[in-house]
Amino acid sequence: MSVLDLEEQEKIDKLKAWWAANGTTLLLAIAVFTAAMVGTRMWNNYQGEQARQAADLYAVLQQQVEKKSELVKIMDAAQLLTEGFAGSGYASRAALIAAHAAVQAGDNAAASKMLQWAVDFAKEPEIKDLARLRLASVLLDENKYEQALGLLNTQHGVSFTGLYADLKGDVLAVSGKYNDARAAYQQALAGMNTQGGYRSVIQMKLDALQED
């Protein structure tokens, strides 16, 4: 056997020895890596499909609202989103839309259910704040003043300060707590960044409560 053949044989023998010692571990590592790659791809595909389905359902909900369909159809579409796609942004927005439709239909119970879901499960703080504000408004309409105040006293984003204070003033005013209502309206005015019709309404309510 030539010197070159001996060198080649030595390389082969070393490779065989290394493979005998490490081959199983290497195969396992490759298998794990491949499984991770496939799993990630499958998960991304699943998430993409979930997002598409949620978007389709949200479009159906919007169509139901635009057509002024029966409330039950609107609520069903919203419920499919809140139950099947709770982690998506579509679900919390669907809850707000359905709640608005329920209020217009005079069904405060259905509205409260959807708004409470958004308060509990919405991912975006702004959606939570808006849902809490609207739920407090529904509770005010039902003369549930303490519950409404409880929601309005919850910590919220700075951009909602004026809106929360204004509604708080309404709750306090109908509760006969006029001094507290005045303070709330003053806070609402201070929290408003714009001059306009809404600010004028708050000022009118404050003026109506001014002491003689």
Protein backbone atom coordinates (compact mmCIF):
# COMPACT_ATOMS: atom_id res chain seq x y z
CA MET A 1 0.00 0.00 0.00
CA SER A 2 1.39 3.39 -0.97
CA VAL A 3 2.07 6.20 1.50
CA LEU A 4 -0.87 8.19 0.08
CA ASP A 5 -3.17 5.20 0.54
CA LEU A 6 -2.03 4.86 4.15
CA GLU A 7 -2.70 8.55 4.80
CA GLU A 8 -6.17 8.30 3.27
CA GLN A 9 -6.92 5.20 5.32
CA GLU A 10 -5.82 6.97 8.50
CA LYS A 11 -8.15 9.87 7.72
CA ILE A 12 -11.02 7.47 7.09
CA ASP A 13 -10.30 5.59 10.31
CA LYS A 14 -10.19 8.84 12.29
CA LEU A 15 -13.47 9.98 10.72
CA LYS A 16 -15.10 6.65 11.58
CA ALA A 17 -13.85 6.91 15.14
CA TRP A 18 -15.15 10.48 15.49
CA TRP A 19 -18.50 9.52 14.03
CA ALA A 20 -18.77 6.55 16.37
CA ALA A 21 -18.17 8.87 19.30
CA ASN A 22 -20.20 11.89 18.15
CA GLY A 23 -22.51 10.81 15.38
CA THR A 24 -25.56 10.17 17.56
CA THR A 25 -25.22 13.55 19.24
CA LEU A 26 -24.83 15.28 15.90
CA LEU A 27 -27.88 13.56 14.45
CA LEU A 28 -29.88 14.52 17.52
CA ALA A 29 -28.76 18.14 17.21
CA ILE A 30 -29.72 18.19 13.54
CA ALA A 31 -33.08 16.63 14.36
CA VAL A 32 -33.76 19.20 17.08
CA PHE A 33 -32.71 22.07 14.83
CA THR A 34 -34.86 20.77 11.98
CA ALA A 35 -37.84 20.28 14.28
CA ALA A 36 -37.41 23.80 15.62
CA MET A 37 -37.28 25.22 12.12
CA VAL A 38 -40.36 23.27 11.04
CA GLY A 39 -42.16 24.13 14.28
CA THR A 40 -41.42 27.83 13.88
CA ARG A 41 -42.60 27.77 10.29
CA MET A 42 -45.79 25.91 11.25
CA TRP A 43 -46.43 28.35 14.12
CA ASN A 44 -45.93 31.36 11.86
CA ASN A 45 -48.26 29.83 9.28
CA TYR A 46 -50.84 29.15 12.00
CA GLN A 47 -50.61 32.71 13.30
CA GLY A 48 -50.97 34.06 9.79
CA GLU A 49 -54.05 31.95 9.19
CA GLN A 50 -55.52 33.04 12.54
CA ALA A 51 -54.97 36.68 11.65
CA ARG A 52 -56.66 36.22 8.28
CA GLN A 53 -59.66 34.51 9.85
CA ALA A 54 -59.96 37.23 12.49
CA ALA A 55 -59.79 39.92 9.79
CA ASP A 56 -62.50 38.16 7.79
CA LEU A 57 -64.78 37.93 10.82
CA TYR A 58 -64.18 41.57 11.67
CA ALA A 59 -65.15 42.52 8.11
CA VAL A 60 -68.36 40.51 8.51
CA LEU A 61 -69.11 42.34 11.76
CA GLN A 62 -68.59 45.73 10.11
CA GLN A 63 -70.90 44.72 7.27
CA GLN A 64 -73.58 43.66 9.77
CA VAL A 65 -73.34 47.04 11.48
CA GLU A 66 -73.42 48.97 8.20
CA LYS A 67 -76.50 47.03 7.07
CA LYS A 68 -78.07 47.68 10.48
CA SER A 69 -78.64 43.97 10.92
CA GLU A 70 -80.42 42.50 13.93
CA LEU A 71 -78.44 42.90 17.12
CA VAL A 72 -78.20 39.13 17.57
CA LYS A 73 -76.22 38.83 14.32
CA ILE A 74 -73.86 41.59 15.36
CA MET A 75 -73.37 40.05 18.79
CA ASP A 76 -72.77 36.60 17.28
CA ALA A 77 -70.04 37.94 14.99
CA ALA A 78 -68.41 39.79 17.88
CA GLN A 79 -68.62 36.75 20.13
CA LEU A 80 -66.88 34.59 17.53
CA LEU A 81 -63.99 37.03 17.65
CA THR A 82 -63.84 37.39 21.44
CA GLU A 83 -64.02 33.64 21.98
CA GLY A 84 -61.97 32.36 19.06
CA PHE A 85 -59.46 35.15 18.50
CA ALA A 86 -59.17 36.80 21.91
CA GLY A 87 -55.50 37.59 21.43
CA SER A 88 -56.03 39.64 18.30
CA GLY A 89 -56.63 43.36 18.14
CA TYR A 90 -59.77 42.64 16.14
CA ALA A 91 -61.48 41.04 19.14
CA SER A 92 -61.32 44.07 21.43
CA ARG A 93 -62.43 46.41 18.64
CA ALA A 94 -65.28 44.05 17.81
CA ALA A 95 -66.37 44.19 21.45
CA LEU A 96 -66.52 48.00 21.31
CA ILE A 97 -68.48 47.98 18.06
CA ALA A 98 -70.95 45.39 19.32
CA ALA A 99 -71.39 47.28 22.58
CA HIS A 100 -72.20 50.48 20.68
CA ALA A 101 -74.79 48.63 18.61
CA ALA A 102 -76.28 47.14 21.77
CA VAL A 103 -76.60 50.56 23.41
CA GLN A 104 -78.35 51.90 20.32
CA ALA A 105 -80.71 48.93 20.47
CA GLY A 106 -81.43 49.60 24.14
CA ASP A 107 -79.76 46.40 25.34
CA ASN A 108 -77.53 47.62 28.14
CA ALA A 109 -76.91 44.10 29.40
CA ALA A 110 -75.38 43.01 26.10
CA ALA A 111 -73.38 46.22 25.92
CA SER A 112 -72.05 45.77 29.45
CA LYS A 113 -71.00 42.20 28.69
CA MET A 114 -68.97 43.23 25.66
CA LEU A 115 -67.43 46.25 27.37
CA GLN A 116 -66.47 44.22 30.41
CA TRP A 117 -64.76 41.72 28.12
CA ALA A 118 -62.73 44.53 26.57
CA VAL A 119 -61.82 45.89 30.00
CA ASP A 120 -60.65 42.45 31.10
CA PHE A 121 -58.92 41.15 27.98
CA ALA A 122 -57.97 43.97 25.59
CA LYS A 123 -54.22 44.06 24.97
CA GLU A 124 -53.99 47.78 24.23
CA PRO A 125 -54.24 50.19 27.20
CA GLU A 126 -56.15 52.74 25.10
CA ILE A 127 -58.83 50.16 24.26
CA LYS A 128 -59.12 49.24 27.93
CA ASP A 129 -59.49 52.91 28.90
CA LEU A 130 -62.14 53.51 26.26
CA ALA A 131 -64.06 50.37 27.18
CA ARG A 132 -63.98 51.34 30.87
CA LEU A 133 -65.26 54.83 30.03
CA ARG A 134 -68.13 53.48 27.93
CA LEU A 135 -69.02 50.88 30.54
CA ALA A 136 -69.20 53.61 33.17
CA SER A 137 -71.58 55.51 30.89
CA VAL A 138 -73.83 52.45 30.61
CA LEU A 139 -73.79 52.03 34.39
CA LEU A 140 -74.73 55.70 34.79
CA ASP A 141 -77.69 55.11 32.50
CA GLU A 142 -78.74 52.25 34.78
CA ASN A 143 -78.38 54.42 37.91
CA LYS A 144 -75.49 52.28 39.16
CA TYR A 145 -73.53 55.26 40.35
CA GLU A 146 -71.07 53.60 42.71
CA GLN A 147 -70.03 51.04 40.11
CA ALA A 148 -69.59 53.79 37.54
CA LEU A 149 -67.43 55.84 39.91
CA GLY A 150 -65.36 52.76 40.67
CA LEU A 151 -64.48 52.46 37.00
CA LEU A 152 -63.83 56.17 36.57
CA ASN A 153 -61.50 56.25 39.56
CA THR A 154 -59.34 53.54 37.97
CA GLN A 155 -55.92 54.61 36.71
CA HIS A 156 -56.03 55.51 33.02
CA GLY A 157 -53.99 57.16 30.30
CA VAL A 158 -53.37 60.89 30.45
CA SER A 159 -55.22 61.44 27.18
CA PHE A 160 -58.40 60.20 28.86
CA THR A 161 -58.18 62.52 31.90
CA GLY A 162 -60.68 65.06 30.60
CA LEU A 163 -63.19 62.45 29.42
CA TYR A 164 -63.04 60.48 32.67
CA ALA A 165 -63.40 63.63 34.78
CA ASP A 166 -66.34 64.87 32.72
CA LEU A 167 -68.28 61.62 33.08
CA LYS A 168 -67.34 61.49 36.74
CA GLY A 169 -68.88 64.94 37.11
CA ASP A 170 -72.09 63.66 35.51
CA VAL A 171 -72.27 60.73 37.93
CA LEU A 172 -71.62 62.94 40.95
CA ALA A 173 -74.13 65.55 39.79
CA VAL A 174 -77.00 63.07 39.46
CA SER A 175 -75.96 61.62 42.82
CA GLY A 176 -76.52 65.04 44.39
CA LYS A 177 -72.83 65.53 45.20
CA TYR A 178 -72.63 68.96 43.61
CA ASN A 179 -69.37 70.16 45.14
CA ASP A 180 -67.58 67.03 43.98
CA ALA A 181 -69.24 67.34 40.58
CA ARG A 182 -67.97 70.90 40.20
CA ALA A 183 -64.45 69.77 41.06
CA ALA A 184 -64.70 66.98 38.49
CA TYR A 185 -65.89 69.35 35.76
CA GLN A 186 -63.06 71.75 36.56
CA GLN A 187 -60.62 68.87 36.27
CA ALA A 188 -62.21 67.93 32.96
CA LEU A 189 -61.73 71.45 31.61
CA ALA A 190 -58.11 71.45 32.76
CA GLY A 191 -57.57 68.12 31.05
CA MET A 192 -58.96 69.22 27.70
CA ASN A 193 -56.29 70.20 25.20
CA THR A 194 -58.61 71.72 22.63
CA GLN A 195 -61.11 74.52 22.47
CA GLY A 196 -64.39 73.48 20.95
CA GLY A 197 -67.95 72.35 21.33
CA TYR A 198 -67.21 69.60 23.82
CA ARG A 199 -65.35 71.96 26.12
CA SER A 200 -68.29 74.37 25.90
CA VAL A 201 -70.66 71.61 27.03
CA ILE A 202 -68.52 70.91 30.08
CA GLN A 203 -68.43 74.62 30.89
CA MET A 204 -72.23 74.78 30.64
CA LYS A 205 -72.59 71.90 33.08
CA LEU A 206 -70.16 73.56 35.45
CA ASP A 207 -71.98 76.90 35.22
CA ALA A 208 -75.28 75.17 35.99
CA LEU A 209 -73.81 73.92 39.26
CA GLN A 210 -72.24 77.19 40.36
CA GLU A 211 -73.32 78.34 43.79
CA ASP A 212 -75.46 81.46 43.98
